[in-house]
Amino acid sequence: MKKDKLFAPFLMLLAGAVVSLMMYFFHYSTKEMLPILLAVLLVFYIAGSFIQMKVNSFVRQIKEEMAAKVAKEAEEAQEISESMEAGEKAADDGIQMDGVT
């Protein structure tokens, strides 16, 4: 399983743990704790899912930009090598032409 899929559950459980401890220290009753904890878990799961979705889209966008950059560099390298080969051919032709005269 990919690590990026664990962000939302981790955020939800971390928030649940913090809220549970805080409610325990402030002496909430169990009847008060459970609905609040459920609401916190739902809110933080939704927030974590949204953040995870945004991070994944940013990572995908960065990967696409890097792939485009690599493709552009490869294309430029190909053009440079083709122009160098053409220059070498022209130089070889010039040497042969000088030998003929």
C-alpha atoms as a PDB file:
ATOM      1  CA  MET A   1       0.000   0.000   0.000  1.00  0.00           C
ATOM      2  CA  LYS A   2       1.309   3.432  -0.880  1.00  0.00           C
ATOM      3  CA  LYS A   3       2.223   5.721   1.973  1.00  0.00           C
ATOM      4  CA  ASP A   4       0.290   8.660   0.548  1.00  0.00           C
ATOM      5  CA  LYS A   5      -2.985   6.789   1.088  1.00  0.00           C
ATOM      6  CA  LEU A   6      -2.373   6.695   4.842  1.00  0.00           C
ATOM      7  CA  PHE A   7      -2.443  10.465   5.385  1.00  0.00           C
ATOM      8  CA  ALA A   8      -6.193  10.886   5.976  1.00  0.00           C
ATOM      9  CA  PRO A   9      -6.542   7.975   8.447  1.00  0.00           C
ATOM     10  CA  PHE A  10      -3.408   9.071  10.311  1.00  0.00           C
ATOM     11  CA  LEU A  11      -4.685  12.648  10.637  1.00  0.00           C
ATOM     12  CA  MET A  12      -8.086  11.381  11.777  1.00  0.00           C
ATOM     13  CA  LEU A  13      -6.627   9.079  14.425  1.00  0.00           C
ATOM     14  CA  LEU A  14      -4.179  11.700  15.666  1.00  0.00           C
ATOM     15  CA  ALA A  15      -6.968  14.257  16.080  1.00  0.00           C
ATOM     16  CA  GLY A  16      -9.131  11.628  17.788  1.00  0.00           C
ATOM     17  CA  ALA A  17      -6.366  10.795  20.234  1.00  0.00           C
ATOM     18  CA  VAL A  18      -5.753  14.457  21.082  1.00  0.00           C
ATOM     19  CA  VAL A  19      -9.458  15.168  21.551  1.00  0.00           C
ATOM     20  CA  SER A  20      -9.955  12.040  23.647  1.00  0.00           C
ATOM     21  CA  LEU A  21      -7.094  12.983  25.960  1.00  0.00           C
ATOM     22  CA  MET A  22      -8.301  16.558  26.277  1.00  0.00           C
ATOM     23  CA  MET A  23     -11.851  15.455  27.098  1.00  0.00           C
ATOM     24  CA  TYR A  24     -10.516  12.933  29.631  1.00  0.00           C
ATOM     25  CA  PHE A  25      -8.467  15.612  31.410  1.00  0.00           C
ATOM     26  CA  PHE A  26     -11.455  17.976  31.467  1.00  0.00           C
ATOM     27  CA  HIS A  27     -13.648  15.215  32.978  1.00  0.00           C
ATOM     28  CA  TYR A  28     -16.243  14.877  30.218  1.00  0.00           C
ATOM     29  CA  SER A  29     -18.762  12.101  30.701  1.00  0.00           C
ATOM     30  CA  THR A  30     -18.844   9.193  28.256  1.00  0.00           C
ATOM     31  CA  LYS A  31     -22.182  10.369  26.868  1.00  0.00           C
ATOM     32  CA  GLU A  32     -20.621  13.728  26.035  1.00  0.00           C
ATOM     33  CA  MET A  33     -17.370  12.282  24.725  1.00  0.00           C
ATOM     34  CA  LEU A  34     -18.658   9.865  22.123  1.00  0.00           C
ATOM     35  CA  PRO A  35     -20.685  12.251  19.912  1.00  0.00           C
ATOM     36  CA  ILE A  36     -17.923  14.862  20.056  1.00  0.00           C
ATOM     37  CA  LEU A  37     -15.300  12.257  19.211  1.00  0.00           C
ATOM     38  CA  LEU A  38     -17.383  10.947  16.310  1.00  0.00           C
ATOM     39  CA  ALA A  39     -17.805  14.462  14.922  1.00  0.00           C
ATOM     40  CA  VAL A  40     -14.062  15.162  15.260  1.00  0.00           C
ATOM     41  CA  LEU A  41     -13.159  11.902  13.532  1.00  0.00           C
ATOM     42  CA  LEU A  42     -15.496  12.626  10.618  1.00  0.00           C
ATOM     43  CA  VAL A  43     -14.331  16.232  10.207  1.00  0.00           C
ATOM     44  CA  PHE A  44     -10.648  15.323  10.304  1.00  0.00           C
ATOM     45  CA  TYR A  45     -11.112  12.371   7.940  1.00  0.00           C
ATOM     46  CA  ILE A  46     -12.790  14.651   5.410  1.00  0.00           C
ATOM     47  CA  ALA A  47     -10.107  17.317   5.903  1.00  0.00           C
ATOM     48  CA  GLY A  48      -7.346  14.705   5.567  1.00  0.00           C
ATOM     49  CA  SER A  49      -8.898  13.319   2.394  1.00  0.00           C
ATOM     50  CA  PHE A  50      -9.081  16.808   0.893  1.00  0.00           C
ATOM     51  CA  ILE A  51      -5.464  17.576   1.813  1.00  0.00           C
ATOM     52  CA  GLN A  52      -4.362  14.185   0.479  1.00  0.00           C
ATOM     53  CA  MET A  53      -6.161  14.829  -2.800  1.00  0.00           C
ATOM     54  CA  LYS A  54      -4.504  18.250  -3.172  1.00  0.00           C
ATOM     55  CA  VAL A  55      -1.036  16.908  -2.349  1.00  0.00           C
ATOM     56  CA  ASN A  56      -1.459  14.077  -4.867  1.00  0.00           C
ATOM     57  CA  SER A  57      -2.517  16.540  -7.570  1.00  0.00           C
ATOM     58  CA  PHE A  58       0.504  18.747  -6.819  1.00  0.00           C
ATOM     59  CA  VAL A  59       2.844  15.746  -6.961  1.00  0.00           C
ATOM     60  CA  ARG A  60       1.298  14.604 -10.261  1.00  0.00           C
ATOM     61  CA  GLN A  61       1.660  18.123 -11.678  1.00  0.00           C
ATOM     62  CA  ILE A  62       5.318  18.286 -10.636  1.00  0.00           C
ATOM     63  CA  LYS A  63       5.996  14.863 -12.197  1.00  0.00           C
ATOM     64  CA  GLU A  64       4.361  15.969 -15.464  1.00  0.00           C
ATOM     65  CA  GLU A  65       6.458  19.151 -15.523  1.00  0.00           C
ATOM     66  CA  MET A  66       9.631  17.150 -14.873  1.00  0.00           C
ATOM     67  CA  ALA A  67       8.745  14.678 -17.635  1.00  0.00           C
ATOM     68  CA  ALA A  68       8.101  17.556 -20.045  1.00  0.00           C
ATOM     69  CA  LYS A  69      11.422  19.138 -19.066  1.00  0.00           C
ATOM     70  CA  VAL A  70      13.293  15.865 -19.606  1.00  0.00           C
ATOM     71  CA  ALA A  71      11.588  15.369 -22.977  1.00  0.00           C
ATOM     72  CA  LYS A  72      12.490  18.916 -24.011  1.00  0.00           C
ATOM     73  CA  GLU A  73      16.118  18.418 -22.977  1.00  0.00           C
ATOM     74  CA  ALA A  74      16.266  15.127 -24.887  1.00  0.00           C
ATOM     75  CA  GLU A  75      14.816  16.824 -27.962  1.00  0.00           C
ATOM     76  CA  GLU A  76      17.376  19.636 -27.720  1.00  0.00           C
ATOM     77  CA  ALA A  77      20.187  17.108 -27.310  1.00  0.00           C
ATOM     78  CA  GLN A  78      18.932  15.252 -30.378  1.00  0.00           C
ATOM     79  CA  GLU A  79      18.874  18.475 -32.412  1.00  0.00           C
ATOM     80  CA  ILE A  80      22.404  19.346 -31.275  1.00  0.00           C
ATOM     81  CA  SER A  81      23.719  15.902 -32.192  1.00  0.00           C
ATOM     82  CA  GLU A  82      22.015  16.086 -35.604  1.00  0.00           C
ATOM     83  CA  SER A  83      23.496  19.531 -36.275  1.00  0.00           C
ATOM     84  CA  MET A  84      26.949  18.304 -35.224  1.00  0.00           C
ATOM     85  CA  GLU A  85      26.648  15.304 -37.548  1.00  0.00           C
ATOM     86  CA  ALA A  86      25.604  17.609 -40.382  1.00  0.00           C
ATOM     87  CA  GLY A  87      28.567  19.870 -39.620  1.00  0.00           C
ATOM     88  CA  GLU A  88      30.968  16.927 -39.636  1.00  0.00           C
ATOM     89  CA  LYS A  89      29.532  15.756 -42.974  1.00  0.00           C
ATOM     90  CA  ALA A  90      29.982  19.242 -44.439  1.00  0.00           C
ATOM     91  CA  ALA A  91      33.555  19.362 -43.141  1.00  0.00           C
ATOM     92  CA  ASP A  92      34.275  15.907 -44.630  1.00  0.00           C
ATOM     93  CA  ASP A  93      32.793  17.016 -47.953  1.00  0.00           C
ATOM     94  CA  GLY A  94      34.968  20.140 -47.864  1.00  0.00           C
ATOM     95  CA  ILE A  95      38.095  18.077 -47.286  1.00  0.00           C
ATOM     96  CA  GLN A  96      37.213  15.763 -50.171  1.00  0.00           C
ATOM     97  CA  MET A  97      36.506  18.713 -52.426  1.00  0.00           C
ATOM     98  CA  ASP A  98      39.908  20.261 -51.614  1.00  0.00           C
ATOM     99  CA  GLY A  99      41.641  17.016 -52.496  1.00  0.00           C
ATOM    100  CA  VAL A 100      39.925  16.866 -55.894  1.00  0.00           C
ATOM    101  CA  THR A 101      41.119  20.247 -57.098  1.00  0.00           C
END
